[in-house]
Amino acid sequence: MKKILLIIVLIMAIFQMVVLATAITIGDEATDRATEYAPGTTGRTVISMSNPATTAGTITSIEIYPHTTTSDPMYNTQIGIFYEVSADHFTTRADIHLGTVTPKAGKQTFTEDSGSNPISMSIEIGDCIGIFFTHGKLEADIVGGESYYLTVADNIPCTNVEFTKIDYSTRHFSFQGLGAEAVGGNAIMMGTNF
């Protein structure tokens, strides 16, 4: 019995880190909404101020709900994680290119970028998510949301770029990032830290 207990204690000593995954979401839920957002043919970069990051971690998937009553795809779709450098000036911490998002029924989930690379975007507390695309439309609500930032250009990625704050019109945009925060700690067994 002592040998078995000793083996268990040794195994616990070897594998002493316990990793707990805490779910992270950034941005609004990707869902069917009352209206849509259309960036036009030249595109716009929008930073959603809804649901900023409350913890540091890694975004591993992106959910987008394209407006389904249009046949136009969302071309050149890009997602960025933004942080504010100074008043109304933003820099991307991480960015990915998703390419063309075709309108079809329901939410679309992406775990890889347009080059088939797994999505892995670092986020820090206070970061916000942004999107750029041309043509097509994204599900959105024009009431009840948060203010947002906008540029009439492709600013994913960007460094210290000035955005226009839109606070006279609040919106919920149907795209978000999901991931996990890795929390490490020591295993505790029989009152002893290993």
Foldseek 3Di string as FASTA:
>chain_A
DVVVVVVVVVVCVVVFKDKDWDKWKFAFAQDAADDKDAQAAQKKKKWFQPRHTQAKDKFQKKKFQFDQVDQKWFAFKKKFWWDAPDVQWIATQDMATAGTGGHDPDMDMDQAHVVRHGGIGIDHHPIIMMMITGDGIGRKDFPDAAWMWMDSHPPVGHDGDGTDIGGVIGMGTNMMTMDTHIDIDTDADPNDTD
